[in-house]
Amino acid sequence: VPIWLSLGVIVATLLVTTLGSLAKARRDP
């Protein structure tokens, strides 16, 4: 796994996790 792919996976995962968490908390307190 090249480092550019690792960096992309990490950034994408954190972004999806954060946005998904906030959306879930808004829909389901």
Full PDB file with SEQRES, HELIX, SHEET, SSBOND, CRYST1, ORIGX, SCALE, CONECT and MASTER records, all heavy atoms in Angstrom:
SEQRES   1 A   29  VAL PRO ILE TRP LEU SER LEU GLY VAL ILE VAL ALA THR          
SEQRES   2 A   29  LEU LEU VAL THR THR LEU GLY SER LEU ALA LYS ALA ARG          
SEQRES   3 A   29  ARG ASP PRO                                                  
HELIX    1 AA1 ILE A    3  ARG A   27  1                                  25    
CRYST1    1.000    1.000    1.000  90.00  90.00  90.00 P 1           1          
ORIGX1      1.000000  0.000000  0.000000        0.00000                         
ORIGX2      0.000000  1.000000  0.000000        0.00000                         
ORIGX3      0.000000  0.000000  1.000000        0.00000                         
SCALE1      1.000000  0.000000  0.000000        0.00000                         
SCALE2      0.000000  1.000000  0.000000        0.00000                         
SCALE3      0.000000  0.000000  1.000000        0.00000                         
ATOM      1  N   VAL A   1       0.844  -1.192   0.000  1.00  0.00           N  
ATOM      2  CA  VAL A   1       0.000   0.000   0.000  1.00  0.00           C  
ATOM      3  C   VAL A   1       0.879   1.242   0.000  1.00  0.00           C  
ATOM      4  O   VAL A   1       1.633   1.465   0.961  1.00  0.00           O  
ATOM      5  CB  VAL A   1      -0.933   0.014   1.221  1.00  0.00           C  
ATOM      6  CG1 VAL A   1      -1.840   1.239   1.187  1.00  0.00           C  
ATOM      7  CG2 VAL A   1      -1.760  -1.264   1.273  1.00  0.00           C  
ATOM      8  N   PRO A   2       0.822   2.081  -1.038  1.00  0.00           N  
ATOM      9  CA  PRO A   2       1.634   3.307  -1.060  1.00  0.00           C  
ATOM     10  C   PRO A   2       1.121   4.315  -0.038  1.00  0.00           C  
ATOM     11  O   PRO A   2      -0.047   4.270   0.372  1.00  0.00           O  
ATOM     12  CB  PRO A   2       1.464   3.826  -2.489  1.00  0.00           C  
ATOM     13  CG  PRO A   2       0.158   3.251  -2.946  1.00  0.00           C  
ATOM     14  CD  PRO A   2       0.029   1.916  -2.270  1.00  0.00           C  
ATOM     15  N   ILE A   3       1.979   5.235   0.341  1.00  0.00           N  
ATOM     16  CA  ILE A   3       1.628   6.172   1.401  1.00  0.00           C  
ATOM     17  C   ILE A   3       0.504   7.110   0.959  1.00  0.00           C  
ATOM     18  O   ILE A   3      -0.336   7.516   1.786  1.00  0.00           O  
ATOM     19  CB  ILE A   3       2.877   6.975   1.848  1.00  0.00           C  
ATOM     20  CG1 ILE A   3       2.557   7.777   3.121  1.00  0.00           C  
ATOM     21  CG2 ILE A   3       3.358   7.883   0.736  1.00  0.00           C  
ATOM     22  CD1 ILE A   3       2.166   6.920   4.293  1.00  0.00           C  
ATOM     23  N   TRP A   4       0.435   7.457  -0.333  1.00  0.00           N  
ATOM     24  CA  TRP A   4      -0.634   8.353  -0.780  1.00  0.00           C  
ATOM     25  C   TRP A   4      -1.997   7.695  -0.603  1.00  0.00           C  
ATOM     26  O   TRP A   4      -2.982   8.359  -0.268  1.00  0.00           O  
ATOM     27  CB  TRP A   4      -0.421   8.778  -2.227  1.00  0.00           C  
ATOM     28  CG  TRP A   4      -0.475   7.656  -3.243  1.00  0.00           C  
ATOM     29  CD1 TRP A   4       0.579   6.970  -3.767  1.00  0.00           C  
ATOM     30  CD2 TRP A   4      -1.656   7.102  -3.845  1.00  0.00           C  
ATOM     31  NE1 TRP A   4       0.149   6.013  -4.652  1.00  0.00           N  
ATOM     32  CE2 TRP A   4      -1.233   6.073  -4.728  1.00  0.00           C  
ATOM     33  CE3 TRP A   4      -3.011   7.361  -3.735  1.00  0.00           C  
ATOM     34  CZ2 TRP A   4      -2.100   5.305  -5.486  1.00  0.00           C  
ATOM     35  CZ3 TRP A   4      -3.909   6.602  -4.485  1.00  0.00           C  
ATOM     36  CH2 TRP A   4      -3.451   5.589  -5.349  1.00  0.00           C  
ATOM     37  N   LEU A   5      -2.057   6.365  -0.801  1.00  0.00           N  
ATOM     38  CA  LEU A   5      -3.312   5.666  -0.604  1.00  0.00           C  
ATOM     39  C   LEU A   5      -3.652   5.595   0.889  1.00  0.00           C  
ATOM     40  O   LEU A   5      -4.819   5.768   1.271  1.00  0.00           O  
ATOM     41  CB  LEU A   5      -3.228   4.261  -1.194  1.00  0.00           C  
ATOM     42  CG  LEU A   5      -4.496   3.398  -1.058  1.00  0.00           C  
ATOM     43  CD1 LEU A   5      -5.691   4.092  -1.704  1.00  0.00           C  
ATOM     44  CD2 LEU A   5      -4.260   2.015  -1.684  1.00  0.00           C  
ATOM     45  N   SER A   6      -2.651   5.367   1.722  1.00  0.00           N  
ATOM     46  CA  SER A   6      -2.870   5.340   3.171  1.00  0.00           C  
ATOM     47  C   SER A   6      -3.413   6.679   3.652  1.00  0.00           C  
ATOM     48  O   SER A   6      -4.377   6.736   4.422  1.00  0.00           O  
ATOM     49  CB  SER A   6      -1.568   5.007   3.905  1.00  0.00           C  
ATOM     50  OG  SER A   6      -1.089   3.739   3.550  1.00  0.00           O  
ATOM     51  N   LEU A   7      -2.770   7.764   3.208  1.00  0.00           N  
ATOM     52  CA  LEU A   7      -3.207   9.102   3.612  1.00  0.00           C  
ATOM     53  C   LEU A   7      -4.633   9.364   3.136  1.00  0.00           C  
ATOM     54  O   LEU A   7      -5.463   9.905   3.889  1.00  0.00           O  
ATOM     55  CB  LEU A   7      -2.253  10.149   3.038  1.00  0.00           C  
ATOM     56  CG  LEU A   7      -2.520  11.606   3.418  1.00  0.00           C  
ATOM     57  CD1 LEU A   7      -2.502  11.789   4.931  1.00  0.00           C  
ATOM     58  CD2 LEU A   7      -1.491  12.521   2.757  1.00  0.00           C  
ATOM     59  N   GLY A   8      -4.955   8.964   1.910  1.00  0.00           N  
ATOM     60  CA  GLY A   8      -6.303   9.166   1.398  1.00  0.00           C  
ATOM     61  C   GLY A   8      -7.345   8.382   2.177  1.00  0.00           C  
ATOM     62  O   GLY A   8      -8.433   8.891   2.479  1.00  0.00           O  
ATOM     63  N   VAL A   9      -7.034   7.145   2.515  1.00  0.00           N  
ATOM     64  CA  VAL A   9      -7.964   6.318   3.283  1.00  0.00           C  
ATOM     65  C   VAL A   9      -8.200   6.919   4.665  1.00  0.00           C  
ATOM     66  O   VAL A   9      -9.339   6.968   5.154  1.00  0.00           O  
ATOM     67  CB  VAL A   9      -7.429   4.872   3.399  1.00  0.00           C  
ATOM     68  CG1 VAL A   9      -8.230   4.073   4.434  1.00  0.00           C  
ATOM     69  CG2 VAL A   9      -7.485   4.174   2.047  1.00  0.00           C  
ATOM     70  N   ILE A  10      -7.137   7.384   5.314  1.00  0.00           N  
ATOM     71  CA  ILE A  10      -7.264   7.957   6.657  1.00  0.00           C  
ATOM     72  C   ILE A  10      -8.129   9.216   6.623  1.00  0.00           C  
ATOM     73  O   ILE A  10      -9.059   9.374   7.425  1.00  0.00           O  
ATOM     74  CB  ILE A  10      -5.872   8.259   7.235  1.00  0.00           C  
ATOM     75  CG1 ILE A  10      -5.117   6.953   7.508  1.00  0.00           C  
ATOM     76  CG2 ILE A  10      -5.986   9.075   8.530  1.00  0.00           C  
ATOM     77  CD1 ILE A  10      -3.651   7.151   7.826  1.00  0.00           C  
ATOM     78  N   VAL A  11      -7.836  10.128   5.686  1.00  0.00           N  
ATOM     79  CA  VAL A  11      -8.599  11.376   5.593  1.00  0.00           C  
ATOM     80  C   VAL A  11     -10.061  11.083   5.269  1.00  0.00           C  
ATOM     81  O   VAL A  11     -10.976  11.643   5.895  1.00  0.00           O  
ATOM     82  CB  VAL A  11      -7.981  12.310   4.532  1.00  0.00           C  
ATOM     83  CG1 VAL A  11      -8.884  13.515   4.286  1.00  0.00           C  
ATOM     84  CG2 VAL A  11      -6.596  12.772   4.975  1.00  0.00           C  
ATOM     85  N   ALA A  12     -10.305  10.201   4.302  1.00  0.00           N  
ATOM     86  CA  ALA A  12     -11.675   9.878   3.912  1.00  0.00           C  
ATOM     87  C   ALA A  12     -12.442   9.231   5.059  1.00  0.00           C  
ATOM     88  O   ALA A  12     -13.616   9.547   5.301  1.00  0.00           O  
ATOM     89  CB  ALA A  12     -11.667   8.960   2.688  1.00  0.00           C  
ATOM     90  N   THR A  13     -11.790   8.336   5.777  1.00  0.00           N  
ATOM     91  CA  THR A  13     -12.451   7.658   6.897  1.00  0.00           C  
ATOM     92  C   THR A  13     -12.829   8.640   7.997  1.00  0.00           C  
ATOM     93  O   THR A  13     -13.947   8.595   8.531  1.00  0.00           O  
ATOM     94  CB  THR A  13     -11.538   6.558   7.478  1.00  0.00           C  
ATOM     95  OG1 THR A  13     -11.217   5.617   6.446  1.00  0.00           O  
ATOM     96  CG2 THR A  13     -12.228   5.834   8.625  1.00  0.00           C  
ATOM     97  N   LEU A  14     -11.923   9.541   8.333  1.00  0.00           N  
ATOM     98  CA  LEU A  14     -12.214  10.528   9.375  1.00  0.00           C  
ATOM     99  C   LEU A  14     -13.334  11.471   8.939  1.00  0.00           C  
ATOM    100  O   LEU A  14     -14.199  11.829   9.752  1.00  0.00           O  
ATOM    101  CB  LEU A  14     -10.951  11.324   9.704  1.00  0.00           C  
ATOM    102  CG  LEU A  14      -9.818  10.535  10.362  1.00  0.00           C  
ATOM    103  CD1 LEU A  14      -8.599  11.416  10.566  1.00  0.00           C  
ATOM    104  CD2 LEU A  14     -10.269   9.960  11.700  1.00  0.00           C  
ATOM    105  N   LEU A  15     -13.327  11.859   7.667  1.00  0.00           N  
ATOM    106  CA  LEU A  15     -14.368  12.753   7.170  1.00  0.00           C  
ATOM    107  C   LEU A  15     -15.736  12.073   7.193  1.00  0.00           C  
ATOM    108  O   LEU A  15     -16.718  12.636   7.696  1.00  0.00           O  
ATOM    109  CB  LEU A  15     -14.027  13.200   5.747  1.00  0.00           C  
ATOM    110  CG  LEU A  15     -14.990  14.203   5.090  1.00  0.00           C  
ATOM    111  CD1 LEU A  15     -15.034  15.493   5.890  1.00  0.00           C  
ATOM    112  CD2 LEU A  15     -14.561  14.483   3.654  1.00  0.00           C  
ATOM    113  N   VAL A  16     -15.811  10.852   6.675  1.00  0.00           N  
ATOM    114  CA  VAL A  16     -17.080  10.114   6.666  1.00  0.00           C  
ATOM    115  C   VAL A  16     -17.554   9.835   8.077  1.00  0.00           C  
ATOM    116  O   VAL A  16     -18.749   9.962   8.389  1.00  0.00           O  
ATOM    117  CB  VAL A  16     -16.927   8.803   5.866  1.00  0.00           C  
ATOM    118  CG1 VAL A  16     -18.153   7.916   6.035  1.00  0.00           C  
ATOM    119  CG2 VAL A  16     -16.688   9.097   4.390  1.00  0.00           C  
ATOM    120  N   THR A  17     -16.619   9.468   8.964  1.00  0.00           N  
ATOM    121  CA  THR A  17     -16.972   9.174  10.355  1.00  0.00           C  
ATOM    122  C   THR A  17     -17.567  10.392  11.046  1.00  0.00           C  
ATOM    123  O   THR A  17     -18.596  10.303  11.725  1.00  0.00           O  
ATOM    124  CB  THR A  17     -15.730   8.693  11.124  1.00  0.00           C  
ATOM    125  OG1 THR A  17     -15.261   7.471  10.547  1.00  0.00           O  
ATOM    126  CG2 THR A  17     -16.062   8.468  12.586  1.00  0.00           C  
ATOM    127  N   THR A  18     -16.923  11.545  10.874  1.00  0.00           N  
ATOM    128  CA  THR A  18     -17.397  12.763  11.530  1.00  0.00           C  
ATOM    129  C   THR A  18     -18.759  13.199  10.995  1.00  0.00           C  
ATOM    130  O   THR A  18     -19.686  13.468  11.767  1.00  0.00           O  
ATOM    131  CB  THR A  18     -16.377  13.900  11.341  1.00  0.00           C  
ATOM    132  OG1 THR A  18     -15.107  13.496  11.869  1.00  0.00           O  
ATOM    133  CG2 THR A  18     -16.843  15.159  12.050  1.00  0.00           C  
ATOM    134  N   LEU A  19     -18.884  13.265   9.675  1.00  0.00           N  
ATOM    135  CA  LEU A  19     -20.150  13.697   9.093  1.00  0.00           C  
ATOM    136  C   LEU A  19     -21.271  12.708   9.409  1.00  0.00           C  
ATOM    137  O   LEU A  19     -22.396  13.103   9.737  1.00  0.00           O  
ATOM    138  CB  LEU A  19     -20.002  13.849   7.574  1.00  0.00           C  
ATOM    139  CG  LEU A  19     -19.043  14.954   7.102  1.00  0.00           C  
ATOM    140  CD1 LEU A  19     -18.952  14.980   5.585  1.00  0.00           C  
ATOM    141  CD2 LEU A  19     -19.485  16.315   7.626  1.00  0.00           C  
ATOM    142  N   GLY A  20     -20.968  11.414   9.326  1.00  0.00           N  
ATOM    143  CA  GLY A  20     -21.969  10.408   9.642  1.00  0.00           C  
ATOM    144  C   GLY A  20     -22.397  10.456  11.097  1.00  0.00           C  
ATOM    145  O   GLY A  20     -23.582  10.294  11.415  1.00  0.00           O  
ATOM    146  N   SER A  21     -21.433  10.711  12.004  1.00  0.00           N  
ATOM    147  CA  SER A  21     -21.751  10.799  13.431  1.00  0.00           C  
ATOM    148  C   SER A  21     -22.674  11.964  13.727  1.00  0.00           C  
ATOM    149  O   SER A  21     -23.668  11.837  14.456  1.00  0.00           O  
ATOM    150  CB  SER A  21     -20.465  10.928  14.249  1.00  0.00           C  
ATOM    151  OG  SER A  21     -19.658   9.781  14.136  1.00  0.00           O  
ATOM    152  N   LEU A  22     -22.344  13.122  13.173  1.00  0.00           N  
ATOM    153  CA  LEU A  22     -23.160  14.311  13.421  1.00  0.00           C  
ATOM    154  C   LEU A  22     -24.569  14.148  12.838  1.00  0.00           C  
ATOM    155  O   LEU A  22     -25.557  14.562  13.454  1.00  0.00           O  
ATOM    156  CB  LEU A  22     -22.475  15.546  12.837  1.00  0.00           C  
ATOM    157  CG  LEU A  22     -21.125  15.908  13.471  1.00  0.00           C  
ATOM    158  CD1 LEU A  22     -20.519  17.123  12.775  1.00  0.00           C  
ATOM    159  CD2 LEU A  22     -21.265  16.167  14.962  1.00  0.00           C  
ATOM    160  N   ALA A  23     -24.658  13.519  11.654  1.00  0.00           N  
ATOM    161  CA  ALA A  23     -25.976  13.282  11.063  1.00  0.00           C  
ATOM    162  C   ALA A  23     -26.786  12.303  11.902  1.00  0.00           C  
ATOM    163  O   ALA A  23     -27.986  12.499  12.119  1.00  0.00           O  
ATOM    164  CB  ALA A  23     -25.810  12.751   9.636  1.00  0.00           C  
ATOM    165  N   LYS A  24     -26.142  11.249  12.393  1.00  0.00           N  
ATOM    166  CA  LYS A  24     -26.825  10.267  13.229  1.00  0.00           C  
ATOM    167  C   LYS A  24     -27.299  10.893  14.527  1.00  0.00           C  
ATOM    168  O   LYS A  24     -28.431  10.655  14.978  1.00  0.00           O  
ATOM    169  CB  LYS A  24     -25.861   9.118  13.521  1.00  0.00           C  
ATOM    170  CG  LYS A  24     -26.401   8.051  14.478  1.00  0.00           C  
ATOM    171  CD  LYS A  24     -27.548   7.274  13.887  1.00  0.00           C  
ATOM    172  CE  LYS A  24     -27.942   6.122  14.800  1.00  0.00           C  
ATOM    173  NZ  LYS A  24     -29.102   5.362  14.271  1.00  0.00           N  
ATOM    174  N   ALA A  25     -26.448  11.706  15.157  1.00  0.00           N  
ATOM    175  CA  ALA A  25     -26.825  12.354  16.411  1.00  0.00           C  
ATOM    176  C   ALA A  25     -27.983  13.322  16.212  1.00  0.00           C  
ATOM    177  O   ALA A  25     -28.827  13.488  17.098  1.00  0.00           O  
ATOM    178  CB  ALA A  25     -25.621  13.084  17.005  1.00  0.00           C  
ATOM    179  N   ARG A  26     -28.041  13.951  15.043  1.00  0.00           N  
ATOM    180  CA  ARG A  26     -29.134  14.886  14.763  1.00  0.00           C  
ATOM    181  C   ARG A  26     -30.453  14.139  14.549  1.00  0.00           C  
ATOM    182  O   ARG A  26     -31.503  14.569  15.021  1.00  0.00           O  
ATOM    183  CB  ARG A  26     -28.795  15.729  13.527  1.00  0.00           C  
ATOM    184  CG  ARG A  26     -29.769  16.879  13.295  1.00  0.00           C  
ATOM    185  CD  ARG A  26     -29.409  17.670  12.059  1.00  0.00           C  
ATOM    186  NE  ARG A  26     -28.042  18.179  12.130  1.00  0.00           N  
ATOM    187  CZ  ARG A  26     -27.045  17.761  11.356  1.00  0.00           C  
ATOM    188  NH1 ARG A  26     -27.265  16.812  10.459  1.00  0.00           N  
ATOM    189  NH2 ARG A  26     -25.838  18.270  11.472  1.00  0.00           N  
ATOM    190  N   ARG A  27     -30.382  13.005  13.847  1.00  0.00           N  
ATOM    191  CA  ARG A  27     -31.603  12.239  13.562  1.00  0.00           C  
ATOM    192  C   ARG A  27     -32.075  11.425  14.760  1.00  0.00           C  
ATOM    193  O   ARG A  27     -33.266  11.251  14.978  1.00  0.00           O  
ATOM    194  CB  ARG A  27     -31.365  11.282  12.385  1.00  0.00           C  
ATOM    195  CG  ARG A  27     -31.147  11.958  11.045  1.00  0.00           C  
ATOM    196  CD  ARG A  27     -31.279  10.942   9.923  1.00  0.00           C  
ATOM    197  NE  ARG A  27     -30.491   9.741  10.201  1.00  0.00           N  
ATOM    198  CZ  ARG A  27     -29.237   9.550   9.802  1.00  0.00           C  
ATOM    199  NH1 ARG A  27     -28.635  10.502   9.124  1.00  0.00           N  
ATOM    200  NH2 ARG A  27     -28.598   8.448  10.081  1.00  0.00           N  
ATOM    201  N   ASP A  28     -31.104  10.911  15.529  1.00  0.00           N  
ATOM    202  CA  ASP A  28     -31.435   9.995  16.626  1.00  0.00           C  
ATOM    203  C   ASP A  28     -30.697  10.425  17.887  1.00  0.00           C  
ATOM    204  O   ASP A  28     -29.595   9.928  18.170  1.00  0.00           O  
ATOM    205  CB  ASP A  28     -31.053   8.569  16.238  1.00  0.00           C  
ATOM    206  CG  ASP A  28     -31.423   7.549  17.303  1.00  0.00           C  
ATOM    207  OD1 ASP A  28     -32.194   7.912  18.220  1.00  0.00           O  
ATOM    208  OD2 ASP A  28     -30.954   6.399  17.208  1.00  0.00           O  
ATOM    209  N   PRO A  29     -31.261  11.337  18.678  1.00  0.00           N  
ATOM    210  CA  PRO A  29     -30.579  11.812  19.898  1.00  0.00           C  
ATOM    211  C   PRO A  29     -30.269  10.692  20.877  1.00  0.00           C  
ATOM    212  O   PRO A  29     -29.307  10.796  21.651  1.00  0.00           O  
ATOM    213  CB  PRO A  29     -31.583  12.810  20.491  1.00  0.00           C  
ATOM    214  CG  PRO A  29     -32.431  13.235  19.337  1.00  0.00           C  
ATOM    215  CD  PRO A  29     -32.535  12.033  18.444  1.00  0.00           C  
TER     216      PRO A  29                                                      
MASTER        0    0    0    1    0    0    0    6  215    1    0    3          
END                                                                             
